[in-house]
PDB file of N, CA and C in Angstrom:
ATOM      1  N   UNK A   1      64.134  27.670 -65.846  1.00  0.00           N
ATOM      2  CA  UNK A   1      65.973  26.843 -65.550  1.00  0.00           C
ATOM      3  C   UNK A   1      65.374  26.531 -64.520  1.00  0.00           C
ATOM      4  N   UNK A   2      65.660  25.149 -63.393  1.00  0.00           N
ATOM      5  CA  UNK A   2      66.282  25.135 -61.933  1.00  0.00           C
ATOM      6  C   UNK A   2      68.050  24.286 -62.308  1.00  0.00           C
ATOM      7  N   UNK A   3      68.498  25.001 -61.670  1.00  0.00           N
ATOM      8  CA  UNK A   3      69.136  24.227 -60.788  1.00  0.00           C
ATOM      9  C   UNK A   3      69.900  23.109 -59.841  1.00  0.00           C
ATOM     10  N   UNK A   4      68.407  22.225 -59.171  1.00  0.00           N
ATOM     11  CA  UNK A   4      68.261  21.577 -59.345  1.00  0.00           C
ATOM     12  C   UNK A   4      67.906  21.672 -57.283  1.00  0.00           C
ATOM     13  N   UNK A   5      68.390  22.743 -57.070  1.00  0.00           N
ATOM     14  CA  UNK A   5      68.200  23.546 -55.771  1.00  0.00           C
ATOM     15  C   UNK A   5      66.892  23.012 -55.262  1.00  0.00           C
ATOM     16  N   UNK A   6      66.529  22.927 -54.412  1.00  0.00           N
ATOM     17  CA  UNK A   6      65.135  23.011 -53.903  1.00  0.00           C
ATOM     18  C   UNK A   6      65.201  24.566 -52.730  1.00  0.00           C
ATOM     19  N   UNK A   7      63.940  25.166 -52.937  1.00  0.00           N
ATOM     20  CA  UNK A   7      64.157  26.098 -52.088  1.00  0.00           C
ATOM     21  C   UNK A   7      64.466  26.432 -50.818  1.00  0.00           C
ATOM     22  N   UNK A   8      64.008  24.998 -49.689  1.00  0.00           N
ATOM     23  CA  UNK A   8      64.512  25.046 -48.531  1.00  0.00           C
ATOM     24  C   UNK A   8      65.998  24.767 -48.565  1.00  0.00           C
ATOM     25  N   UNK A   9      66.470  24.575 -49.483  1.00  0.00           N
ATOM     26  CA  UNK A   9      68.023  24.056 -49.691  1.00  0.00           C
ATOM     27  C   UNK A   9      68.860  25.855 -50.075  1.00  0.00           C
ATOM     28  N   UNK A  10      67.742  26.783 -50.596  1.00  0.00           N
ATOM     29  CA  UNK A  10      68.527  27.647 -50.557  1.00  0.00           C
ATOM     30  C   UNK A  10      68.016  28.875 -50.061  1.00  0.00           C
ATOM     31  N   UNK A  11      67.438  28.371 -48.912  1.00  0.00           N
ATOM     32  CA  UNK A  11      66.939  29.397 -47.663  1.00  0.00           C
ATOM     33  C   UNK A  11      67.892  30.091 -46.556  1.00  0.00           C
ATOM     34  N   UNK A  12      67.948  30.710 -46.027  1.00  0.00           N
ATOM     35  CA  UNK A  12      69.186  31.225 -45.148  1.00  0.00           C
ATOM     36  C   UNK A  12      68.356  30.556 -43.703  1.00  0.00           C
ATOM     37  N   UNK A  13      68.384  29.410 -42.938  1.00  0.00           N
ATOM     38  CA  UNK A  13      68.186  28.453 -42.273  1.00  0.00           C
ATOM     39  C   UNK A  13      68.577  30.095 -40.587  1.00  0.00           C
ATOM     40  N   UNK A  14      67.388  30.089 -40.254  1.00  0.00           N
ATOM     41  CA  UNK A  14      67.912  31.337 -38.865  1.00  0.00           C
ATOM     42  C   UNK A  14      69.167  31.068 -37.635  1.00  0.00           C
ATOM     43  N   UNK A  15      69.975  31.371 -36.747  1.00  0.00           N
ATOM     44  CA  UNK A  15      70.747  30.673 -36.278  1.00  0.00           C
ATOM     45  C   UNK A  15      70.329  29.847 -34.981  1.00  0.00           C
ATOM     46  N   UNK A  16      70.520  29.040 -35.228  1.00  0.00           N
ATOM     47  CA  UNK A  16      70.069  28.539 -33.777  1.00  0.00           C
ATOM     48  C   UNK A  16      70.645  28.248 -32.448  1.00  0.00           C
ATOM     49  N   UNK A  17      70.270  29.408 -31.388  1.00  0.00           N
ATOM     50  CA  UNK A  17      70.504  28.990 -30.127  1.00  0.00           C
ATOM     51  C   UNK A  17      71.801  27.899 -29.602  1.00  0.00           C
ATOM     52  N   UNK A  18      72.611  27.676 -29.067  1.00  0.00           N
ATOM     53  CA  UNK A  18      73.609  26.603 -28.479  1.00  0.00           C
ATOM     54  C   UNK A  18      73.648  27.027 -26.889  1.00  0.00           C
ATOM     55  N   UNK A  19      73.075  25.930 -25.952  1.00  0.00           N
ATOM     56  CA  UNK A  19      73.714  25.920 -24.413  1.00  0.00           C
ATOM     57  C   UNK A  19      74.452  25.070 -24.307  1.00  0.00           C
ATOM     58  N   UNK A  20      75.774  25.745 -23.815  1.00  0.00           N
ATOM     59  CA  UNK A  20      76.730  24.683 -23.374  1.00  0.00           C
ATOM     60  C   UNK A  20      76.419  24.669 -21.751  1.00  0.00           C
ATOM     61  N   UNK A  21      77.056  23.951 -21.083  1.00  0.00           N
ATOM     62  CA  UNK A  21      76.868  23.304 -19.578  1.00  0.00           C
ATOM     63  C   UNK A  21      78.254  23.482 -19.695  1.00  0.00           C
ATOM     64  N   UNK A  22      79.297  23.288 -18.262  1.00  0.00           N
ATOM     65  CA  UNK A  22      79.741  22.825 -17.637  1.00  0.00           C
ATOM     66  C   UNK A  22      80.146  23.225 -16.631  1.00  0.00           C
ATOM     67  N   UNK A  23      81.365  22.886 -15.520  1.00  0.00           N
ATOM     68  CA  UNK A  23      81.706  23.486 -14.486  1.00  0.00           C
ATOM     69  C   UNK A  23      82.720  24.402 -14.668  1.00  0.00           C
ATOM     70  N   UNK A  24      82.362  24.289 -13.110  1.00  0.00           N
ATOM     71  CA  UNK A  24      83.503  25.893 -12.982  1.00  0.00           C
ATOM     72  C   UNK A  24      84.584  25.345 -12.220  1.00  0.00           C
ATOM     73  N   UNK A  25      85.404  25.754 -11.960  1.00  0.00           N
ATOM     74  CA  UNK A  25      86.681  25.546 -11.381  1.00  0.00           C
ATOM     75  C   UNK A  25      86.396  25.884 -10.354  1.00  0.00           C
ATOM     76  N   UNK A  26      85.220  27.160  -9.646  1.00  0.00           N
ATOM     77  CA  UNK A  26      85.419  27.286  -8.347  1.00  0.00           C
ATOM     78  C   UNK A  26      84.227  26.712  -7.926  1.00  0.00           C
ATOM     79  N   UNK A  27      83.717  25.554  -8.522  1.00  0.00           N
ATOM     80  CA  UNK A  27      82.669  24.404  -8.279  1.00  0.00           C
ATOM     81  C   UNK A  27      81.084  24.788  -8.499  1.00  0.00           C
ATOM     82  N   UNK A  28      81.287  25.839  -9.227  1.00  0.00           N
ATOM     83  CA  UNK A  28      79.754  26.060  -9.868  1.00  0.00           C
ATOM     84  C   UNK A  28      79.467  25.440 -10.701  1.00  0.00           C
ATOM     85  N   UNK A  29      78.750  26.307 -12.029  1.00  0.00           N
ATOM     86  CA  UNK A  29      77.817  25.886 -13.273  1.00  0.00           C
ATOM     87  C   UNK A  29      78.366  26.940 -14.386  1.00  0.00           C
ATOM     88  N   UNK A  30      78.536  26.513 -15.536  1.00  0.00           N
ATOM     89  CA  UNK A  30      79.035  27.975 -16.127  1.00  0.00           C
ATOM     90  C   UNK A  30      77.767  27.556 -17.922  1.00  0.00           C
ATOM     91  N   UNK A  31      76.787  28.029 -17.585  1.00  0.00           N
ATOM     92  CA  UNK A  31      75.754  28.235 -19.173  1.00  0.00           C
ATOM     93  C   UNK A  31      76.532  29.110 -20.104  1.00  0.00           C
ATOM     94  N   UNK A  32      76.555  29.188 -21.237  1.00  0.00           N
ATOM     95  CA  UNK A  32      77.428  29.520 -22.023  1.00  0.00           C
ATOM     96  C   UNK A  32      76.070  29.095 -23.099  1.00  0.00           C
ATOM     97  N   UNK A  33      75.815  31.040 -23.793  1.00  0.00           N
ATOM     98  CA  UNK A  33      74.564  31.086 -24.667  1.00  0.00           C
ATOM     99  C   UNK A  33      74.930  31.480 -25.332  1.00  0.00           C
ATOM    100  N   UNK A  34      75.043  31.229 -26.927  1.00  0.00           N
ATOM    101  CA  UNK A  34      75.576  31.313 -28.132  1.00  0.00           C
ATOM    102  C   UNK A  34      74.217  31.344 -29.641  1.00  0.00           C
ATOM    103  N   UNK A  35      74.111  32.811 -29.868  1.00  0.00           N
ATOM    104  CA  UNK A  35      73.292  32.781 -31.417  1.00  0.00           C
ATOM    105  C   UNK A  35      71.996  33.615 -30.920  1.00  0.00           C
ATOM    106  N   UNK A  36      71.084  32.892 -31.217  1.00  0.00           N
ATOM    107  CA  UNK A  36      69.518  34.052 -30.771  1.00  0.00           C
ATOM    108  C   UNK A  36      68.807  33.042 -29.943  1.00  0.00           C
ATOM    109  N   UNK A  37      68.635  33.617 -28.669  1.00  0.00           N
ATOM    110  CA  UNK A  37      67.814  32.841 -27.636  1.00  0.00           C
ATOM    111  C   UNK A  37      66.406  33.956 -27.995  1.00  0.00           C
ATOM    112  N   UNK A  38      65.733  33.648 -28.617  1.00  0.00           N
ATOM    113  CA  UNK A  38      64.392  34.053 -28.928  1.00  0.00           C
ATOM    114  C   UNK A  38      63.340  33.288 -27.687  1.00  0.00           C
ATOM    115  N   UNK A  39      62.022  34.047 -27.550  1.00  0.00           N
ATOM    116  CA  UNK A  39      60.632  33.291 -27.331  1.00  0.00           C
ATOM    117  C   UNK A  39      60.325  31.815 -27.044  1.00  0.00           C
ATOM    118  N   UNK A  40      61.006  31.696 -28.359  1.00  0.00           N
ATOM    119  CA  UNK A  40      60.484  29.856 -28.259  1.00  0.00           C
ATOM    120  C   UNK A  40      61.670  28.979 -27.958  1.00  0.00           C
ATOM    121  N   UNK A  41      63.029  29.145 -27.673  1.00  0.00           N
ATOM    122  CA  UNK A  41      64.053  28.256 -27.094  1.00  0.00           C
ATOM    123  C   UNK A  41      63.447  28.809 -25.372  1.00  0.00           C
ATOM    124  N   UNK A  42      63.104  29.352 -25.112  1.00  0.00           N
ATOM    125  CA  UNK A  42      62.751  29.789 -23.349  1.00  0.00           C
ATOM    126  C   UNK A  42      62.802  28.224 -22.583  1.00  0.00           C
ATOM    127  N   UNK A  43      61.948  27.141 -23.066  1.00  0.00           N
ATOM    128  CA  UNK A  43      61.807  25.375 -22.411  1.00  0.00           C
ATOM    129  C   UNK A  43      63.031  25.366 -22.432  1.00  0.00           C
ATOM    130  N   UNK A  44      63.933  24.978 -23.864  1.00  0.00           N
ATOM    131  CA  UNK A  44      65.011  24.617 -23.341  1.00  0.00           C
ATOM    132  C   UNK A  44      66.241  25.510 -22.645  1.00  0.00           C
ATOM    133  N   UNK A  45      66.202  26.646 -21.994  1.00  0.00           N
ATOM    134  CA  UNK A  45      67.029  27.594 -21.330  1.00  0.00           C
ATOM    135  C   UNK A  45      66.079  26.596 -19.909  1.00  0.00           C
ATOM    136  N   UNK A  46      65.352  26.927 -20.250  1.00  0.00           N
ATOM    137  CA  UNK A  46      64.448  26.995 -18.971  1.00  0.00           C
ATOM    138  C   UNK A  46      64.717  25.418 -18.225  1.00  0.00           C
ATOM    139  N   UNK A  47      64.916  24.238 -18.751  1.00  0.00           N
ATOM    140  CA  UNK A  47      65.409  22.963 -19.191  1.00  0.00           C
ATOM    141  C   UNK A  47      66.542  23.020 -18.337  1.00  0.00           C
ATOM    142  N   UNK A  48      67.385  23.620 -19.207  1.00  0.00           N
ATOM    143  CA  UNK A  48      68.711  23.051 -18.622  1.00  0.00           C
ATOM    144  C   UNK A  48      69.177  24.151 -17.324  1.00  0.00           C
ATOM    145  N   UNK A  49      68.570  24.900 -16.994  1.00  0.00           N
ATOM    146  CA  UNK A  49      68.627  25.810 -15.883  1.00  0.00           C
ATOM    147  C   UNK A  49      68.153  25.383 -14.184  1.00  0.00           C
ATOM    148  N   UNK A  50      66.917  24.242 -14.925  1.00  0.00           N
ATOM    149  CA  UNK A  50      66.143  23.782 -13.293  1.00  0.00           C
ATOM    150  C   UNK A  50      66.995  22.003 -13.069  1.00  0.00           C
ATOM    151  N   UNK A  51      67.787  21.442 -14.045  1.00  0.00           N
ATOM    152  CA  UNK A  51      68.468  20.668 -14.059  1.00  0.00           C
ATOM    153  C   UNK A  51      69.098  20.834 -12.897  1.00  0.00           C
ATOM    154  N   UNK A  52      68.827  19.412 -11.959  1.00  0.00           N
ATOM    155  CA  UNK A  52      68.952  19.226 -10.933  1.00  0.00           C
ATOM    156  C   UNK A  52      70.733  19.130 -10.189  1.00  0.00           C
ATOM    157  N   UNK A  53      71.426  19.284 -11.567  1.00  0.00           N
ATOM    158  CA  UNK A  53      72.945  18.717 -11.070  1.00  0.00           C
ATOM    159  C   UNK A  53      73.215  20.543 -11.254  1.00  0.00           C
ATOM    160  N   UNK A  54      72.499  21.451 -12.123  1.00  0.00           N
ATOM    161  CA  UNK A  54      73.085  23.027 -12.323  1.00  0.00           C
ATOM    162  C   UNK A  54      71.929  23.566 -11.615  1.00  0.00           C
ATOM    163  N   UNK A  55      70.734  23.132 -10.237  1.00  0.00           N
ATOM    164  CA  UNK A  55      70.438  23.315  -9.541  1.00  0.00           C
ATOM    165  C   UNK A  55      71.160  23.109  -7.890  1.00  0.00           C
ATOM    166  N   UNK A  56      72.309  22.886  -8.208  1.00  0.00           N
ATOM    167  CA  UNK A  56      73.240  22.762  -6.621  1.00  0.00           C
ATOM    168  C   UNK A  56      73.956  23.572  -6.893  1.00  0.00           C
ATOM    169  N   UNK A  57      74.455  25.006  -7.685  1.00  0.00           N
ATOM    170  CA  UNK A  57      75.802  25.210  -7.388  1.00  0.00           C
ATOM    171  C   UNK A  57      74.797  26.450  -7.776  1.00  0.00           C
ATOM    172  N   UNK A  58      76.467  27.457  -7.716  1.00  0.00           N
ATOM    173  CA  UNK A  58      75.923  28.674  -8.572  1.00  0.00           C
ATOM    174  C   UNK A  58      76.237  28.683  -9.911  1.00  0.00           C
ATOM    175  N   UNK A  59      75.105  29.799 -10.605  1.00  0.00           N
ATOM    176  CA  UNK A  59      75.580  30.102 -12.338  1.00  0.00           C
ATOM    177  C   UNK A  59      75.555  30.877 -12.235  1.00  0.00           C
ATOM    178  N   UNK A  60      76.921  30.707 -13.720  1.00  0.00           N
ATOM    179  CA  UNK A  60      77.078  31.868 -14.702  1.00  0.00           C
ATOM    180  C   UNK A  60      76.523  31.714 -15.458  1.00  0.00           C
ATOM    181  N   UNK A  61      75.918  32.920 -16.264  1.00  0.00           N
ATOM    182  CA  UNK A  61      75.445  32.476 -17.654  1.00  0.00           C
ATOM    183  C   UNK A  61      76.370  33.246 -18.583  1.00  0.00           C
ATOM    184  N   UNK A  62      77.160  32.693 -19.067  1.00  0.00           N
ATOM    185  CA  UNK A  62      77.887  33.568 -20.711  1.00  0.00           C
ATOM    186  C   UNK A  62      77.072  33.804 -21.581  1.00  0.00           C
ATOM    187  N   UNK A  63      77.053  35.517 -21.894  1.00  0.00           N
ATOM    188  CA  UNK A  63      76.645  35.537 -23.078  1.00  0.00           C
ATOM    189  C   UNK A  63      77.247  36.432 -23.982  1.00  0.00           C
ATOM    190  N   UNK A  64      78.141  36.379 -23.601  1.00  0.00           N
ATOM    191  CA  UNK A  64      79.440  37.235 -24.754  1.00  0.00           C
ATOM    192  C   UNK A  64      79.313  36.112 -25.941  1.00  0.00           C
ATOM    193  N   UNK A  65      79.089  35.282 -26.247  1.00  0.00           N
ATOM    194  CA  UNK A  65      78.231  34.521 -28.068  1.00  0.00           C
ATOM    195  C   UNK A  65      76.799  34.729 -28.036  1.00  0.00           C
ATOM    196  N   UNK A  66      76.303  35.436 -27.750  1.00  0.00           N
ATOM    197  CA  UNK A  66      74.518  35.438 -27.548  1.00  0.00           C
ATOM    198  C   UNK A  66      74.518  36.753 -28.133  1.00  0.00           C
ATOM    199  N   UNK A  67      73.750  36.783 -29.741  1.00  0.00           N
ATOM    200  CA  UNK A  67      73.508  37.979 -30.134  1.00  0.00           C
ATOM    201  C   UNK A  67      72.038  38.624 -29.862  1.00  0.00           C
ATOM    202  N   UNK A  68      70.709  37.460 -29.132  1.00  0.00           N
ATOM    203  CA  UNK A  68      69.767  38.065 -28.882  1.00  0.00           C
ATOM    204  C   UNK A  68      69.328  37.339 -27.607  1.00  0.00           C
ATOM    205  N   UNK A  69      68.699  37.882 -26.536  1.00  0.00           N
ATOM    206  CA  UNK A  69      68.241  37.070 -25.271  1.00  0.00           C
ATOM    207  C   UNK A  69      67.233  38.386 -25.306  1.00  0.00           C
ATOM    208  N   UNK A  70      65.712  37.024 -26.230  1.00  0.00           N
ATOM    209  CA  UNK A  70      64.561  37.848 -26.484  1.00  0.00           C
ATOM    210  C   UNK A  70      63.991  37.955 -24.119  1.00  0.00           C
ATOM    211  N   UNK A  71      62.608  38.715 -24.358  1.00  0.00           N
ATOM    212  CA  UNK A  71      62.219  38.844 -22.925  1.00  0.00           C
ATOM    213  C   UNK A  71      61.472  37.608 -22.438  1.00  0.00           C
ATOM    214  N   UNK A  72      60.607  36.377 -22.874  1.00  0.00           N
ATOM    215  CA  UNK A  72      60.418  35.134 -22.164  1.00  0.00           C
ATOM    216  C   UNK A  72      61.849  34.604 -21.779  1.00  0.00           C
ATOM    217  N   UNK A  73      63.262  35.124 -22.814  1.00  0.00           N
ATOM    218  CA  UNK A  73      64.495  33.637 -22.062  1.00  0.00           C
ATOM    219  C   UNK A  73      65.123  34.839 -20.888  1.00  0.00           C
ATOM    220  N   UNK A  74      64.990  36.126 -20.507  1.00  0.00           N
ATOM    221  CA  UNK A  74      65.121  37.275 -19.305  1.00  0.00           C
ATOM    222  C   UNK A  74      63.817  36.916 -18.560  1.00  0.00           C
ATOM    223  N   UNK A  75      63.073  36.337 -18.275  1.00  0.00           N
ATOM    224  CA  UNK A  75      61.881  36.012 -17.359  1.00  0.00           C
ATOM    225  C   UNK A  75      62.281  35.172 -16.477  1.00  0.00           C
ATOM    226  N   UNK A  76      62.496  34.483 -17.809  1.00  0.00           N
ATOM    227  CA  UNK A  76      62.967  32.552 -16.993  1.00  0.00           C
ATOM    228  C   UNK A  76      64.411  33.069 -16.280  1.00  0.00           C
ATOM    229  N   UNK A  77      65.305  33.970 -16.475  1.00  0.00           N
ATOM    230  CA  UNK A  77      66.499  34.260 -16.152  1.00  0.00           C
ATOM    231  C   UNK A  77      66.145  34.514 -14.669  1.00  0.00           C
ATOM    232  N   UNK A  78      64.943  35.500 -14.670  1.00  0.00           N
ATOM    233  CA  UNK A  78      64.596  36.127 -12.990  1.00  0.00           C
ATOM    234  C   UNK A  78      64.482  34.797 -12.212  1.00  0.00           C
ATOM    235  N   UNK A  79      63.063  34.478 -13.222  1.00  0.00           N
ATOM    236  CA  UNK A  79      62.268  33.219 -12.211  1.00  0.00           C
ATOM    237  C   UNK A  79      63.548  32.110 -11.507  1.00  0.00           C
ATOM    238  N   UNK A  80      64.380  31.785 -12.149  1.00  0.00           N
ATOM    239  CA  UNK A  80      64.991  31.227 -11.532  1.00  0.00           C
ATOM    240  C   UNK A  80      66.535  31.133 -11.034  1.00  0.00           C
ATOM    241  N   UNK A  81      66.642  32.811 -11.093  1.00  0.00           N
ATOM    242  CA  UNK A  81      67.471  33.539 -10.214  1.00  0.00           C
ATOM    243  C   UNK A  81      67.215  33.932  -8.323  1.00  0.00           C
ATOM    244  N   UNK A  82      65.738  33.980  -8.546  1.00  0.00           N
ATOM    245  CA  UNK A  82      65.331  33.957  -7.579  1.00  0.00           C
ATOM    246  C   UNK A  82      64.719  32.410  -6.810  1.00  0.00           C
ATOM    247  N   UNK A  83      64.993  31.315  -7.019  1.00  0.00           N
ATOM    248  CA  UNK A  83      64.443  30.637  -6.966  1.00  0.00           C
ATOM    249  C   UNK A  83      66.164  30.128  -6.257  1.00  0.00           C
ATOM    250  N   UNK A  84      67.116  30.412  -7.307  1.00  0.00           N
ATOM    251  CA  UNK A  84      67.953  30.077  -6.163  1.00  0.00           C
ATOM    252  C   UNK A  84      68.694  30.276  -4.734  1.00  0.00           C
ATOM    253  N   UNK A  85      68.675  31.428  -5.172  1.00  0.00           N
ATOM    254  CA  UNK A  85      68.467  32.768  -4.158  1.00  0.00           C
ATOM    255  C   UNK A  85      68.020  31.772  -2.830  1.00  0.00           C
ATOM    256  N   UNK A  86      66.959  31.533  -3.075  1.00  0.00           N
ATOM    257  CA  UNK A  86      65.887  30.908  -1.976  1.00  0.00           C
ATOM    258  C   UNK A  86      66.810  29.531  -1.405  1.00  0.00           C
ATOM    259  N   UNK A  87      67.859  29.339  -1.971  1.00  0.00           N
ATOM    260  CA  UNK A  87      68.262  27.605  -1.721  1.00  0.00           C
ATOM    261  C   UNK A  87      69.585  28.147  -0.913  1.00  0.00           C
ATOM    262  N   UNK A  88      70.558  29.580  -1.463  1.00  0.00           N
ATOM    263  CA  UNK A  88      71.724  30.189  -0.910  1.00  0.00           C
ATOM    264  C   UNK A  88      72.934  30.131  -2.310  1.00  0.00           C
ATOM    265  N   UNK A  89      72.169  30.478  -3.349  1.00  0.00           N
ATOM    266  CA  UNK A  89      72.897  30.239  -4.168  1.00  0.00           C
ATOM    267  C   UNK A  89      72.905  31.725  -5.493  1.00  0.00           C
ATOM    268  N   UNK A  90      73.339  31.625  -6.436  1.00  0.00           N
ATOM    269  CA  UNK A  90      73.335  32.810  -7.473  1.00  0.00           C
ATOM    270  C   UNK A  90      74.185  32.377  -8.931  1.00  0.00           C
ATOM    271  N   UNK A  91      72.617  33.092  -9.340  1.00  0.00           N
ATOM    272  CA  UNK A  91      72.768  32.942 -10.839  1.00  0.00           C
ATOM    273  C   UNK A  91      73.685  34.600 -11.335  1.00  0.00           C
ATOM    274  N   UNK A  92      74.048  34.752 -12.085  1.00  0.00           N
ATOM    275  CA  UNK A  92      75.195  35.652 -12.821  1.00  0.00           C
ATOM    276  C   UNK A  92      75.274  35.741 -14.050  1.00  0.00           C
ATOM    277  N   UNK A  93      75.185  36.854 -14.382  1.00  0.00           N
ATOM    278  CA  UNK A  93      75.093  36.505 -16.188  1.00  0.00           C
ATOM    279  C   UNK A  93      76.822  38.035 -16.428  1.00  0.00           C
ATOM    280  N   UNK A  94      76.897  37.482 -17.329  1.00  0.00           N
ATOM    281  CA  UNK A  94      78.330  37.386 -17.290  1.00  0.00           C
ATOM    282  C   UNK A  94      78.341  37.733 -19.105  1.00  0.00           C
ATOM    283  N   UNK A  95      79.175  38.856 -19.349  1.00  0.00           N
ATOM    284  CA  UNK A  95      79.793  39.144 -20.992  1.00  0.00           C
ATOM    285  C   UNK A  95      77.883  39.795 -21.745  1.00  0.00           C
ATOM    286  N   UNK A  96      77.637  40.269 -21.144  1.00  0.00           N
ATOM    287  CA  UNK A  96      76.280  41.019 -21.693  1.00  0.00           C
ATOM    288  C   UNK A  96      76.604  42.118 -22.583  1.00  0.00           C
ATOM    289  N   UNK A  97      76.810  42.102 -23.853  1.00  0.00           N
ATOM    290  CA  UNK A  97      76.078  43.278 -24.577  1.00  0.00           C
ATOM    291  C   UNK A  97      75.704  44.578 -24.236  1.00  0.00           C
ATOM    292  N   UNK A  98      75.548  45.835 -25.194  1.00  0.00           N
ATOM    293  CA  UNK A  98      74.436  46.424 -24.373  1.00  0.00           C
ATOM    294  C   UNK A  98      73.496  46.925 -24.891  1.00  0.00           C
ATOM    295  N   UNK A  99      72.881  46.464 -25.722  1.00  0.00           N
ATOM    296  CA  UNK A  99      71.964  45.556 -26.355  1.00  0.00           C
ATOM    297  C   UNK A  99      70.788  44.987 -25.198  1.00  0.00           C
ATOM    298  N   UNK A 100      71.540  43.706 -24.907  1.00  0.00           N
ATOM    299  CA  UNK A 100      71.058  43.098 -24.016  1.00  0.00           C
ATOM    300  C   UNK A 100      70.687  43.467 -22.420  1.00  0.00           C
ATOM    301  N   UNK A 101      71.852  44.595 -22.199  1.00  0.00           N
ATOM    302  CA  UNK A 101      70.860  45.442 -20.673  1.00  0.00           C
ATOM    303  C   UNK A 101      70.557  46.386 -20.918  1.00  0.00           C
ATOM    304  N   UNK A 102      70.469  46.931 -22.177  1.00  0.00           N
ATOM    305  CA  UNK A 102      68.525  47.640 -22.599  1.00  0.00           C
ATOM    306  C   UNK A 102      67.742  46.766 -22.572  1.00  0.00           C
ATOM    307  N   UNK A 103      67.435  45.686 -23.667  1.00  0.00           N
ATOM    308  CA  UNK A 103      66.441  45.054 -23.158  1.00  0.00           C
ATOM    309  C   UNK A 103      65.844  44.629 -21.606  1.00  0.00           C
ATOM    310  N   UNK A 104      66.644  44.284 -20.172  1.00  0.00           N
ATOM    311  CA  UNK A 104      66.510  44.217 -19.639  1.00  0.00           C
ATOM    312  C   UNK A 104      66.135  45.333 -19.041  1.00  0.00           C
ATOM    313  N   UNK A 105      66.524  46.306 -19.450  1.00  0.00           N
ATOM    314  CA  UNK A 105      65.393  47.515 -18.531  1.00  0.00           C
ATOM    315  C   UNK A 105      65.126  48.092 -19.091  1.00  0.00           C
ATOM    316  N   UNK A 106      64.461  47.881 -20.167  1.00  0.00           N
ATOM    317  CA  UNK A 106      63.365  48.194 -20.672  1.00  0.00           C
ATOM    318  C   UNK A 106      61.910  47.325 -20.092  1.00  0.00           C
ATOM    319  N   UNK A 107      62.520  45.756 -19.825  1.00  0.00           N
ATOM    320  CA  UNK A 107      61.475  44.981 -19.636  1.00  0.00           C
ATOM    321  C   UNK A 107      61.087  45.297 -18.086  1.00  0.00           C
ATOM    322  N   UNK A 108      62.474  45.973 -17.572  1.00  0.00           N
ATOM    323  CA  UNK A 108      62.061  46.177 -15.884  1.00  0.00           C
ATOM    324  C   UNK A 108      62.678  44.911 -15.088  1.00  0.00           C
ATOM    325  N   UNK A 109      62.999  44.145 -15.678  1.00  0.00           N
ATOM    326  CA  UNK A 109      64.305  43.087 -14.818  1.00  0.00           C
ATOM    327  C   UNK A 109      65.487  43.192 -14.321  1.00  0.00           C
ATOM    328  N   UNK A 110      66.228  44.325 -14.701  1.00  0.00           N
ATOM    329  CA  UNK A 110      68.115  44.219 -15.059  1.00  0.00           C
ATOM    330  C   UNK A 110      68.010  43.981 -13.360  1.00  0.00           C
ATOM    331  N   UNK A 111      67.045  44.649 -12.328  1.00  0.00           N
ATOM    332  CA  UNK A 111      67.463  44.897 -10.912  1.00  0.00           C
ATOM    333  C   UNK A 111      67.666  43.680 -10.747  1.00  0.00           C
ATOM    334  N   UNK A 112      66.980  42.639 -11.020  1.00  0.00           N
ATOM    335  CA  UNK A 112      66.521  41.716 -10.344  1.00  0.00           C
ATOM    336  C   UNK A 112      67.455  40.384 -10.782  1.00  0.00           C
ATOM    337  N   UNK A 113      68.412  41.034 -11.352  1.00  0.00           N
ATOM    338  CA  UNK A 113      69.643  40.026 -12.013  1.00  0.00           C
ATOM    339  C   UNK A 113      70.496  40.795 -11.697  1.00  0.00           C
ATOM    340  N   UNK A 114      72.011  39.412 -11.587  1.00  0.00           N
ATOM    341  CA  UNK A 114      73.413  39.883 -11.172  1.00  0.00           C
ATOM    342  C   UNK A 114      73.897  40.312 -11.905  1.00  0.00           C
ATOM    343  N   UNK A 115      74.799  40.974 -12.439  1.00  0.00           N
ATOM    344  CA  UNK A 115      75.550  41.319 -13.715  1.00  0.00           C
ATOM    345  C   UNK A 115      77.293  41.761 -12.995  1.00  0.00           C
ATOM    346  N   UNK A 116      78.178  40.178 -13.878  1.00  0.00           N
ATOM    347  CA  UNK A 116      79.122  40.358 -13.889  1.00  0.00           C
ATOM    348  C   UNK A 116      79.636  41.366 -14.998  1.00  0.00           C
ATOM    349  N   UNK A 117      80.102  42.253 -15.054  1.00  0.00           N
ATOM    350  CA  UNK A 117      81.189  42.708 -15.947  1.00  0.00           C
ATOM    351  C   UNK A 117      82.442  42.759 -16.078  1.00  0.00           C
ATOM    352  N   UNK A 118      82.371  42.341 -17.685  1.00  0.00           N
ATOM    353  CA  UNK A 118      83.640  41.330 -18.189  1.00  0.00           C
ATOM    354  C   UNK A 118      83.678  42.821 -19.467  1.00  0.00           C
ATOM    355  N   UNK A 119      85.508  43.042 -19.010  1.00  0.00           N
ATOM    356  CA  UNK A 119      86.008  43.585 -20.321  1.00  0.00           C
ATOM    357  C   UNK A 119      86.140  42.715 -21.767  1.00  0.00           C
ATOM    358  N   UNK A 120      86.008  43.697 -22.623  1.00  0.00           N
ATOM    359  CA  UNK A 120      85.286  43.320 -24.077  1.00  0.00           C
ATOM    360  C   UNK A 120      84.567  43.212 -24.255  1.00  0.00           C
TER     361      UNK A 120
END
């Protein structure tokens, strides 16, 4: 006996990442990451980070609401950080949880990123 619900309706959908972009009061741009940013989402992250409007400003990547950041997205952040530094801009990560910091250290990219420590 079925209740008229298909398996796809009962399966839990994985949490999809959301990338918010908004200007900051200091003239920079804030990218807010939410959810799980896996290797599959690296293209969306790269497209946001390389948008011409973003590239002209200092960038703060807010990881407060990011549950997971995979290796490819971390490498993407390093590449964009290097490109921004060549034109006198900065990419900072803020709100990173301990798991994200450990992943960056394990992958050997932590020293290539600028970390802004936040309370909470």
